[in-house]
Amino acid sequence: MKRIFLLFILITLVLSTNLWAGDYDFGFGIGYVSPLLNIKNIGDDFFGEGAGDEWEQIIGLHDVSGTYWIMGNARYYMGKRIALEAEVGYWTKTEKTKPGTLDFVDVNSSFKDFSIGGNLIYILRGKSYSPFAGGGVAIHFLRAKTEPIGFPEIAVDGSKNKVGLCLLGGIEIKLHQHLSIYGAGRYDYIPDWSQWKIYSGLRFHF
């Protein structure tokens, strides 16, 4: 299954960056991500079966608060209503806690997600406003690290690559023949790392 997802993303990347097609654009955006992390399962997955309960107690976290998300994408239009979109995105969040199991020291726990994906977008083109919706797949390069402040030698650090699915929707507002602004929301399903996102940015048309 992962090979099929990788093939889809590769095809999307090739098509959406085809500068000879004559109908493409690039977008950049920033927004807010609300991670829905399963801390216990991440501990089991990253640090070994059965480690999740202990890791959750050490870091003193049951969830992670929201943070900024940055992204960029390129679209290749397959007609007036359909587009293939390649995208990259990144967010990181560090939480500082003083858990009961290590009450003599503060602990920094960081979570990172860098993703590369491809989406299929349906667009209702209007003269000035163009709603859109779609979905796709991505590879997420995930990292979790916990470090007692002042004791880097006992830090724990783990990483995993996971396939995720997303559903998204938004609206694009034309400002100029070659420039528009957009706003969107989406839900990314990644096992134990699911996320809600809202974001906006600029899109440059060529």
Foldseek 3Di string as FASTA:
>chain_A
DVVVQVVVLVVLVVQLPPPVLQWKKKWKKKWKKAKPFAQLVVLCVWPHHPRSVVVCQVQVDRGFGMDMKIKMKMWHDPDDFKIKIKMKMKDKDWDWDCGPVNNVFIKIKMKMKIKIWMKIKTWDDDPFKIKMWTKTKIKIWIKIKMDTVPGNVPIDIGIDIWMKMKIKIWMWGDDDPFKIKIKMWMWIDTVRTTMTIIMITMMGID
